[in-house]
Amino acid sequence: MRLRVEFTTEPFDLDVAPAHALVAREVIETAELDAVDVGPFGNTAEGGSDGVLEAVDALLRRTLDAGATRISLQVSVIADEAGEGDR
């Protein structure tokens, strides 16, 4: 099964990236995922279910430890190469 995770961490700081945002970027960029898009207002990553779920676990734990006061995320099942998914 393939999954997509979309997430943001707060509080926002438009002048300097907060520690929790830097930690979130590190977690996602070093995870075993196929596609990663990190942006200033939202982040997206895709991969196999094990990789995404492990990354989400690390993301939640490490960004909270780094000072995040709110983490919004959405996990979606996406179609895999064989056209399956969304079940």
PDB file of N, CA and C in Angstrom:
ATOM      1  N   MET A   1       0.856  -1.179   0.000  1.00  0.00           N
ATOM      2  CA  MET A   1       0.000   0.000   0.000  1.00  0.00           C
ATOM      3  C   MET A   1       0.898   1.236   0.000  1.00  0.00           C
ATOM      4  N   ARG A   2       0.516   2.208  -0.811  1.00  0.00           N
ATOM      5  CA  ARG A   2       1.241   3.486  -0.841  1.00  0.00           C
ATOM      6  C   ARG A   2       0.430   4.539  -0.094  1.00  0.00           C
ATOM      7  N   LEU A   3       1.157   5.396   0.606  1.00  0.00           N
ATOM      8  CA  LEU A   3       0.521   6.463   1.376  1.00  0.00           C
ATOM      9  C   LEU A   3       1.134   7.804   1.037  1.00  0.00           C
ATOM     10  N   ARG A   4       0.326   8.840   1.213  1.00  0.00           N
ATOM     11  CA  ARG A   4       0.788  10.223   1.110  1.00  0.00           C
ATOM     12  C   ARG A   4       0.501  10.891   2.446  1.00  0.00           C
ATOM     13  N   VAL A   5       1.488  11.597   2.984  1.00  0.00           N
ATOM     14  CA  VAL A   5       1.280  12.377   4.194  1.00  0.00           C
ATOM     15  C   VAL A   5       1.497  13.849   3.853  1.00  0.00           C
ATOM     16  N   GLU A   6       0.582  14.665   4.320  1.00  0.00           N
ATOM     17  CA  GLU A   6       0.686  16.118   4.186  1.00  0.00           C
ATOM     18  C   GLU A   6       0.669  16.676   5.604  1.00  0.00           C
ATOM     19  N   PHE A   7       1.588  17.601   5.908  1.00  0.00           N
ATOM     20  CA  PHE A   7       1.651  18.088   7.281  1.00  0.00           C
ATOM     21  C   PHE A   7       2.196  19.506   7.374  1.00  0.00           C
ATOM     22  N   THR A   8       1.863  20.153   8.474  1.00  0.00           N
ATOM     23  CA  THR A   8       2.448  21.429   8.862  1.00  0.00           C
ATOM     24  C   THR A   8       2.729  21.374  10.353  1.00  0.00           C
ATOM     25  N   THR A   9       3.720  22.154  10.774  1.00  0.00           N
ATOM     26  CA  THR A   9       4.004  22.291  12.200  1.00  0.00           C
ATOM     27  C   THR A   9       3.878  23.762  12.566  1.00  0.00           C
ATOM     28  N   GLU A  10       3.488  24.012  13.789  1.00  0.00           N
ATOM     29  CA  GLU A  10       3.303  25.388  14.265  1.00  0.00           C
ATOM     30  C   GLU A  10       3.977  25.532  15.621  1.00  0.00           C
ATOM     31  N   PRO A  11       4.314  26.716  16.046  1.00  0.00           N
ATOM     32  CA  PRO A  11       3.948  28.024  15.492  1.00  0.00           C
ATOM     33  C   PRO A  11       4.814  28.400  14.292  1.00  0.00           C
ATOM     34  N   PHE A  12       4.236  29.238  13.431  1.00  0.00           N
ATOM     35  CA  PHE A  12       4.932  29.730  12.252  1.00  0.00           C
ATOM     36  C   PHE A  12       5.829  30.890  12.630  1.00  0.00           C
ATOM     37  N   ASP A  13       6.918  31.043  11.903  1.00  0.00           N
ATOM     38  CA  ASP A  13       7.768  32.226  11.985  1.00  0.00           C
ATOM     39  C   ASP A  13       8.242  32.482  10.565  1.00  0.00           C
ATOM     40  N   LEU A  14       7.790  33.561   9.969  1.00  0.00           N
ATOM     41  CA  LEU A  14       8.123  33.833   8.575  1.00  0.00           C
ATOM     42  C   LEU A  14       9.540  34.371   8.397  1.00  0.00           C
ATOM     43  N   ASP A  15      10.158  34.849   9.477  1.00  0.00           N
ATOM     44  CA  ASP A  15      11.505  35.410   9.374  1.00  0.00           C
ATOM     45  C   ASP A  15      12.603  34.359   9.528  1.00  0.00           C
ATOM     46  N   VAL A  16      12.419  33.437  10.466  1.00  0.00           N
ATOM     47  CA  VAL A  16      13.426  32.412  10.747  1.00  0.00           C
ATOM     48  C   VAL A  16      12.707  31.076  10.924  1.00  0.00           C
ATOM     49  N   ALA A  17      13.226  30.046  10.299  1.00  0.00           N
ATOM     50  CA  ALA A  17      12.611  28.726  10.446  1.00  0.00           C
ATOM     51  C   ALA A  17      12.781  28.242  11.879  1.00  0.00           C
ATOM     52  N   PRO A  18      11.675  27.924  12.568  1.00  0.00           N
ATOM     53  CA  PRO A  18      11.774  27.446  13.943  1.00  0.00           C
ATOM     54  C   PRO A  18      12.427  26.063  14.004  1.00  0.00           C
ATOM     55  N   ALA A  19      12.941  25.723  15.161  1.00  0.00           N
ATOM     56  CA  ALA A  19      13.623  24.437  15.351  1.00  0.00           C
ATOM     57  C   ALA A  19      12.729  23.269  14.951  1.00  0.00           C
ATOM     58  N   HIS A  20      11.446  23.316  15.304  1.00  0.00           N
ATOM     59  CA  HIS A  20      10.560  22.198  14.974  1.00  0.00           C
ATOM     60  C   HIS A  20      10.393  22.030  13.469  1.00  0.00           C
ATOM     61  N   ALA A  21      10.423  23.112  12.719  1.00  0.00           N
ATOM     62  CA  ALA A  21      10.318  23.028  11.259  1.00  0.00           C
ATOM     63  C   ALA A  21      11.580  22.405  10.661  1.00  0.00           C
ATOM     64  N   LEU A  22      12.730  22.752  11.202  1.00  0.00           N
ATOM     65  CA  LEU A  22      13.982  22.170  10.728  1.00  0.00           C
ATOM     66  C   LEU A  22      14.042  20.677  11.038  1.00  0.00           C
ATOM     67  N   VAL A  23      13.560  20.303  12.213  1.00  0.00           N
ATOM     68  CA  VAL A  23      13.508  18.886  12.583  1.00  0.00           C
ATOM     69  C   VAL A  23      12.560  18.136  11.660  1.00  0.00           C
ATOM     70  N   ALA A  24      11.405  18.712  11.368  1.00  0.00           N
ATOM     71  CA  ALA A  24      10.442  18.068  10.469  1.00  0.00           C
ATOM     72  C   ALA A  24      11.071  17.840   9.099  1.00  0.00           C
ATOM     73  N   ARG A  25      11.773  18.835   8.596  1.00  0.00           N
ATOM     74  CA  ARG A  25      12.436  18.700   7.293  1.00  0.00           C
ATOM     75  C   ARG A  25      13.472  17.574   7.333  1.00  0.00           C
ATOM     76  N   GLU A  26      14.261  17.518   8.383  1.00  0.00           N
ATOM     77  CA  GLU A  26      15.276  16.470   8.505  1.00  0.00           C
ATOM     78  C   GLU A  26      14.635  15.080   8.550  1.00  0.00           C
ATOM     79  N   VAL A  27      13.573  14.930   9.339  1.00  0.00           N
ATOM     80  CA  VAL A  27      12.900  13.634   9.453  1.00  0.00           C
ATOM     81  C   VAL A  27      12.406  13.175   8.088  1.00  0.00           C
ATOM     82  N   ILE A  28      11.738  14.041   7.374  1.00  0.00           N
ATOM     83  CA  ILE A  28      11.139  13.663   6.095  1.00  0.00           C
ATOM     84  C   ILE A  28      12.197  13.432   5.017  1.00  0.00           C
ATOM     85  N   GLU A  29      13.222  14.272   4.986  1.00  0.00           N
ATOM     86  CA  GLU A  29      14.240  14.131   3.943  1.00  0.00           C
ATOM     87  C   GLU A  29      15.129  12.913   4.161  1.00  0.00           C
ATOM     88  N   THR A  30      15.251  12.415   5.389  1.00  0.00           N
ATOM     89  CA  THR A  30      16.098  11.251   5.648  1.00  0.00           C
ATOM     90  C   THR A  30      15.301   9.947   5.731  1.00  0.00           C
ATOM     91  N   ALA A  31      13.982  10.030   5.676  1.00  0.00           N
ATOM     92  CA  ALA A  31      13.139   8.832   5.734  1.00  0.00           C
ATOM     93  C   ALA A  31      13.210   8.079   4.408  1.00  0.00           C
ATOM     94  N   GLU A  32      12.825   6.822   4.449  1.00  0.00           N
ATOM     95  CA  GLU A  32      12.811   6.000   3.234  1.00  0.00           C
ATOM     96  C   GLU A  32      11.498   6.225   2.483  1.00  0.00           C
ATOM     97  N   LEU A  33      11.437   7.375   1.793  1.00  0.00           N
ATOM     98  CA  LEU A  33      10.241   7.770   1.055  1.00  0.00           C
ATOM     99  C   LEU A  33      10.603   8.020  -0.400  1.00  0.00           C
ATOM    100  N   ASP A  34       9.607   7.917  -1.274  1.00  0.00           N
ATOM    101  CA  ASP A  34       9.841   8.062  -2.703  1.00  0.00           C
ATOM    102  C   ASP A  34       9.789   9.504  -3.185  1.00  0.00           C
ATOM    103  N   ALA A  35       8.893  10.282  -2.640  1.00  0.00           N
ATOM    104  CA  ALA A  35       8.684  11.652  -3.106  1.00  0.00           C
ATOM    105  C   ALA A  35       8.513  12.556  -1.897  1.00  0.00           C
ATOM    106  N   VAL A  36       9.279  13.641  -1.877  1.00  0.00           N
ATOM    107  CA  VAL A  36       9.224  14.586  -0.764  1.00  0.00           C
ATOM    108  C   VAL A  36       9.153  15.990  -1.344  1.00  0.00           C
ATOM    109  N   ASP A  37       8.211  16.785  -0.832  1.00  0.00           N
ATOM    110  CA  ASP A  37       8.095  18.186  -1.227  1.00  0.00           C
ATOM    111  C   ASP A  37       7.972  19.000   0.053  1.00  0.00           C
ATOM    112  N   VAL A  38       9.027  19.748   0.379  1.00  0.00           N
ATOM    113  CA  VAL A  38       9.055  20.548   1.601  1.00  0.00           C
ATOM    114  C   VAL A  38       8.876  22.002   1.210  1.00  0.00           C
ATOM    115  N   GLY A  39       7.889  22.663   1.809  1.00  0.00           N
ATOM    116  CA  GLY A  39       7.628  24.053   1.495  1.00  0.00           C
ATOM    117  C   GLY A  39       7.423  24.865   2.755  1.00  0.00           C
ATOM    118  N   PRO A  40       7.303  26.176   2.634  1.00  0.00           N
ATOM    119  CA  PRO A  40       7.175  27.034   3.807  1.00  0.00           C
ATOM    120  C   PRO A  40       5.843  26.897   4.552  1.00  0.00           C
ATOM    121  N   PHE A  41       4.786  26.467   3.859  1.00  0.00           N
ATOM    122  CA  PHE A  41       3.475  26.388   4.502  1.00  0.00           C
ATOM    123  C   PHE A  41       2.874  24.994   4.509  1.00  0.00           C
ATOM    124  N   GLY A  42       3.560  24.040   3.944  1.00  0.00           N
ATOM    125  CA  GLY A  42       3.057  22.681   3.929  1.00  0.00           C
ATOM    126  C   GLY A  42       4.085  21.747   3.332  1.00  0.00           C
ATOM    127  N   ASN A  43       4.004  20.504   3.714  1.00  0.00           N
ATOM    128  CA  ASN A  43       4.966  19.506   3.288  1.00  0.00           C
ATOM    129  C   ASN A  43       4.216  18.251   2.877  1.00  0.00           C
ATOM    130  N   THR A  44       4.741  17.559   1.870  1.00  0.00           N
ATOM    131  CA  THR A  44       4.114  16.346   1.374  1.00  0.00           C
ATOM    132  C   THR A  44       5.200  15.299   1.154  1.00  0.00           C
ATOM    133  N   ALA A  45       4.874  14.057   1.483  1.00  0.00           N
ATOM    134  CA  ALA A  45       5.780  12.951   1.210  1.00  0.00           C
ATOM    135  C   ALA A  45       4.954  11.726   0.851  1.00  0.00           C
ATOM    136  N   GLU A  46       5.529  10.866   0.011  1.00  0.00           N
ATOM    137  CA  GLU A  46       4.856   9.642  -0.409  1.00  0.00           C
ATOM    138  C   GLU A  46       5.810   8.476  -0.292  1.00  0.00           C
ATOM    139  N   GLY A  47       5.240   7.294  -0.084  1.00  0.00           N
ATOM    140  CA  GLY A  47       6.044   6.088  -0.057  1.00  0.00           C
ATOM    141  C   GLY A  47       5.218   4.901   0.364  1.00  0.00           C
ATOM    142  N   GLY A  48       5.908   3.797   0.575  1.00  0.00           N
ATOM    143  CA  GLY A  48       5.246   2.610   1.076  1.00  0.00           C
ATOM    144  C   GLY A  48       4.726   2.857   2.481  1.00  0.00           C
ATOM    145  N   SER A  49       3.733   2.072   2.877  1.00  0.00           N
ATOM    146  CA  SER A  49       3.084   2.319   4.165  1.00  0.00           C
ATOM    147  C   SER A  49       4.063   2.255   5.336  1.00  0.00           C
ATOM    148  N   ASP A  50       4.981   1.294   5.343  1.00  0.00           N
ATOM    149  CA  ASP A  50       5.928   1.199   6.453  1.00  0.00           C
ATOM    150  C   ASP A  50       6.786   2.457   6.559  1.00  0.00           C
ATOM    151  N   GLY A  51       7.316   2.915   5.436  1.00  0.00           N
ATOM    152  CA  GLY A  51       8.160   4.108   5.445  1.00  0.00           C
ATOM    153  C   GLY A  51       7.415   5.349   5.892  1.00  0.00           C
ATOM    154  N   VAL A  52       6.198   5.531   5.386  1.00  0.00           N
ATOM    155  CA  VAL A  52       5.415   6.710   5.751  1.00  0.00           C
ATOM    156  C   VAL A  52       5.023   6.666   7.226  1.00  0.00           C
ATOM    157  N   LEU A  53       4.565   5.514   7.705  1.00  0.00           N
ATOM    158  CA  LEU A  53       4.143   5.425   9.102  1.00  0.00           C
ATOM    159  C   LEU A  53       5.317   5.594  10.070  1.00  0.00           C
ATOM    160  N   GLU A  54       6.480   5.066   9.709  1.00  0.00           N
ATOM    161  CA  GLU A  54       7.667   5.284  10.544  1.00  0.00           C
ATOM    162  C   GLU A  54       8.055   6.760  10.549  1.00  0.00           C
ATOM    163  N   ALA A  55       7.978   7.408   9.397  1.00  0.00           N
ATOM    164  CA  ALA A  55       8.308   8.827   9.313  1.00  0.00           C
ATOM    165  C   ALA A  55       7.319   9.671  10.111  1.00  0.00           C
ATOM    166  N   VAL A  56       6.032   9.341  10.058  1.00  0.00           N
ATOM    167  CA  VAL A  56       5.025  10.086  10.818  1.00  0.00           C
ATOM    168  C   VAL A  56       5.278   9.944  12.321  1.00  0.00           C
ATOM    169  N   ASP A  57       5.602   8.742  12.772  1.00  0.00           N
ATOM    170  CA  ASP A  57       5.909   8.530  14.181  1.00  0.00           C
ATOM    171  C   ASP A  57       7.093   9.406  14.605  1.00  0.00           C
ATOM    172  N   ALA A  58       8.176   9.366  13.841  1.00  0.00           N
ATOM    173  CA  ALA A  58       9.350  10.176  14.160  1.00  0.00           C
ATOM    174  C   ALA A  58       9.033  11.661  14.077  1.00  0.00           C
ATOM    175  N   LEU A  59       8.258  12.042  13.071  1.00  0.00           N
ATOM    176  CA  LEU A  59       7.873  13.442  12.897  1.00  0.00           C
ATOM    177  C   LEU A  59       7.131  13.968  14.119  1.00  0.00           C
ATOM    178  N   LEU A  60       6.124  13.232  14.572  1.00  0.00           N
ATOM    179  CA  LEU A  60       5.345  13.670  15.730  1.00  0.00           C
ATOM    180  C   LEU A  60       6.218  13.773  16.977  1.00  0.00           C
ATOM    181  N   ARG A  61       6.973  12.743  17.262  1.00  0.00           N
ATOM    182  CA  ARG A  61       7.795  12.730  18.475  1.00  0.00           C
ATOM    183  C   ARG A  61       8.871  13.817  18.463  1.00  0.00           C
ATOM    184  N   ARG A  62       9.592  13.919  17.348  1.00  0.00           N
ATOM    185  CA  ARG A  62      10.733  14.833  17.313  1.00  0.00           C
ATOM    186  C   ARG A  62      10.323  16.294  17.187  1.00  0.00           C
ATOM    187  N   THR A  63       9.258  16.605  16.449  1.00  0.00           N
ATOM    188  CA  THR A  63       8.859  18.010  16.340  1.00  0.00           C
ATOM    189  C   THR A  63       8.233  18.507  17.636  1.00  0.00           C
ATOM    190  N   LEU A  64       7.503  17.650  18.337  1.00  0.00           N
ATOM    191  CA  LEU A  64       6.984  18.061  19.648  1.00  0.00           C
ATOM    192  C   LEU A  64       8.134  18.320  20.616  1.00  0.00           C
ATOM    193  N   ASP A  65       9.129  17.454  20.603  1.00  0.00           N
ATOM    194  CA  ASP A  65      10.311  17.659  21.458  1.00  0.00           C
ATOM    195  C   ASP A  65      11.053  18.937  21.094  1.00  0.00           C
ATOM    196  N   ALA A  66      10.964  19.348  19.825  1.00  0.00           N
ATOM    197  CA  ALA A  66      11.665  20.542  19.352  1.00  0.00           C
ATOM    198  C   ALA A  66      10.838  21.819  19.504  1.00  0.00           C
ATOM    199  N   GLY A  67       9.657  21.724  20.125  1.00  0.00           N
ATOM    200  CA  GLY A  67       8.886  22.929  20.409  1.00  0.00           C
ATOM    201  C   GLY A  67       7.625  23.156  19.604  1.00  0.00           C
ATOM    202  N   ALA A  68       7.244  22.236  18.750  1.00  0.00           N
ATOM    203  CA  ALA A  68       5.982  22.413  18.022  1.00  0.00           C
ATOM    204  C   ALA A  68       4.827  22.392  19.021  1.00  0.00           C
ATOM    205  N   THR A  69       3.885  23.306  18.822  1.00  0.00           N
ATOM    206  CA  THR A  69       2.701  23.345  19.683  1.00  0.00           C
ATOM    207  C   THR A  69       1.468  22.792  18.975  1.00  0.00           C
ATOM    208  N   ARG A  70       1.601  22.592  17.671  1.00  0.00           N
ATOM    209  CA  ARG A  70       0.506  22.019  16.893  1.00  0.00           C
ATOM    210  C   ARG A  70       1.083  21.378  15.642  1.00  0.00           C
ATOM    211  N   ILE A  71       0.605  20.190  15.336  1.00  0.00           N
ATOM    212  CA  ILE A  71       1.009  19.492  14.119  1.00  0.00           C
ATOM    213  C   ILE A  71      -0.277  19.043  13.432  1.00  0.00           C
ATOM    214  N   SER A  72      -0.468  19.516  12.222  1.00  0.00           N
ATOM    215  CA  SER A  72      -1.635  19.115  11.438  1.00  0.00           C
ATOM    216  C   SER A  72      -1.150  18.166  10.365  1.00  0.00           C
ATOM    217  N   LEU A  73      -1.818  17.008  10.269  1.00  0.00           N
ATOM    218  CA  LEU A  73      -1.406  16.078   9.228  1.00  0.00           C
ATOM    219  C   LEU A  73      -2.581  15.306   8.684  1.00  0.00           C
ATOM    220  N   GLN A  74      -2.384  14.875   7.473  1.00  0.00           N
ATOM    221  CA  GLN A  74      -3.387  14.057   6.780  1.00  0.00           C
ATOM    222  C   GLN A  74      -2.638  12.924   6.098  1.00  0.00           C
ATOM    223  N   VAL A  75      -3.131  11.712   6.262  1.00  0.00           N
ATOM    224  CA  VAL A  75      -2.547  10.550   5.603  1.00  0.00           C
ATOM    225  C   VAL A  75      -3.599   9.979   4.662  1.00  0.00           C
ATOM    226  N   SER A  76      -3.198   9.769   3.404  1.00  0.00           N
ATOM    227  CA  SER A  76      -4.122   9.255   2.395  1.00  0.00           C
ATOM    228  C   SER A  76      -3.517   8.040   1.707  1.00  0.00           C
ATOM    229  N   VAL A  77      -4.376   7.079   1.394  1.00  0.00           N
ATOM    230  CA  VAL A  77      -3.975   5.943   0.568  1.00  0.00           C
ATOM    231  C   VAL A  77      -3.994   6.428  -0.877  1.00  0.00           C
ATOM    232  N   ILE A  78      -2.922   6.132  -1.615  1.00  0.00           N
ATOM    233  CA  ILE A  78      -2.858   6.546  -3.013  1.00  0.00           C
ATOM    234  C   ILE A  78      -2.656   5.312  -3.892  1.00  0.00           C
ATOM    235  N   ALA A  79      -2.969   5.459  -5.149  1.00  0.00           N
ATOM    236  CA  ALA A  79      -2.810   4.351  -6.094  1.00  0.00           C
ATOM    237  C   ALA A  79      -1.352   4.013  -6.245  1.00  0.00           C
ATOM    238  N   ASP A  80      -1.039   2.723  -6.276  1.00  0.00           N
ATOM    239  CA  ASP A  80       0.345   2.313  -6.503  1.00  0.00           C
ATOM    240  C   ASP A  80       0.585   2.135  -8.001  1.00  0.00           C
ATOM    241  N   GLU A  81       1.773   1.652  -8.342  1.00  0.00           N
ATOM    242  CA  GLU A  81       2.145   1.526  -9.746  1.00  0.00           C
ATOM    243  C   GLU A  81       1.168   0.624 -10.521  1.00  0.00           C
ATOM    244  N   ALA A  82       0.562  -0.338  -9.845  1.00  0.00           N
ATOM    245  CA  ALA A  82      -0.364  -1.248 -10.522  1.00  0.00           C
ATOM    246  C   ALA A  82      -1.759  -0.659 -10.633  1.00  0.00           C
ATOM    247  N   GLY A  83      -1.920   0.582 -10.155  1.00  0.00           N
ATOM    248  CA  GLY A  83      -3.213   1.232 -10.237  1.00  0.00           C
ATOM    249  C   GLY A  83      -4.145   0.882  -9.103  1.00  0.00           C
ATOM    250  N   GLU A  84      -3.618   0.217  -8.068  1.00  0.00           N
ATOM    251  CA  GLU A  84      -4.443  -0.146  -6.932  1.00  0.00           C
ATOM    252  C   GLU A  84      -4.313   0.913  -5.857  1.00  0.00           C
ATOM    253  N   GLY A  85      -5.174   0.880  -4.901  1.00  0.00           N
ATOM    254  CA  GLY A  85      -5.178   1.839  -3.809  1.00  0.00           C
ATOM    255  C   GLY A  85      -6.569   2.383  -3.628  1.00  0.00           C
ATOM    256  N   ASP A  86      -6.675   3.409  -2.819  1.00  0.00           N
ATOM    257  CA  ASP A  86      -7.964   4.054  -2.557  1.00  0.00           C
ATOM    258  C   ASP A  86      -9.035   3.045  -2.172  1.00  0.00           C
ATOM    259  N   ARG A  87      -8.650   2.042  -1.379  1.00  0.00           N
ATOM    260  CA  ARG A  87      -9.634   1.062  -0.926  1.00  0.00           C
ATOM    261  C   ARG A  87     -10.013   1.304   0.492  1.00  0.00           C
TER     262      ARG A  87
END
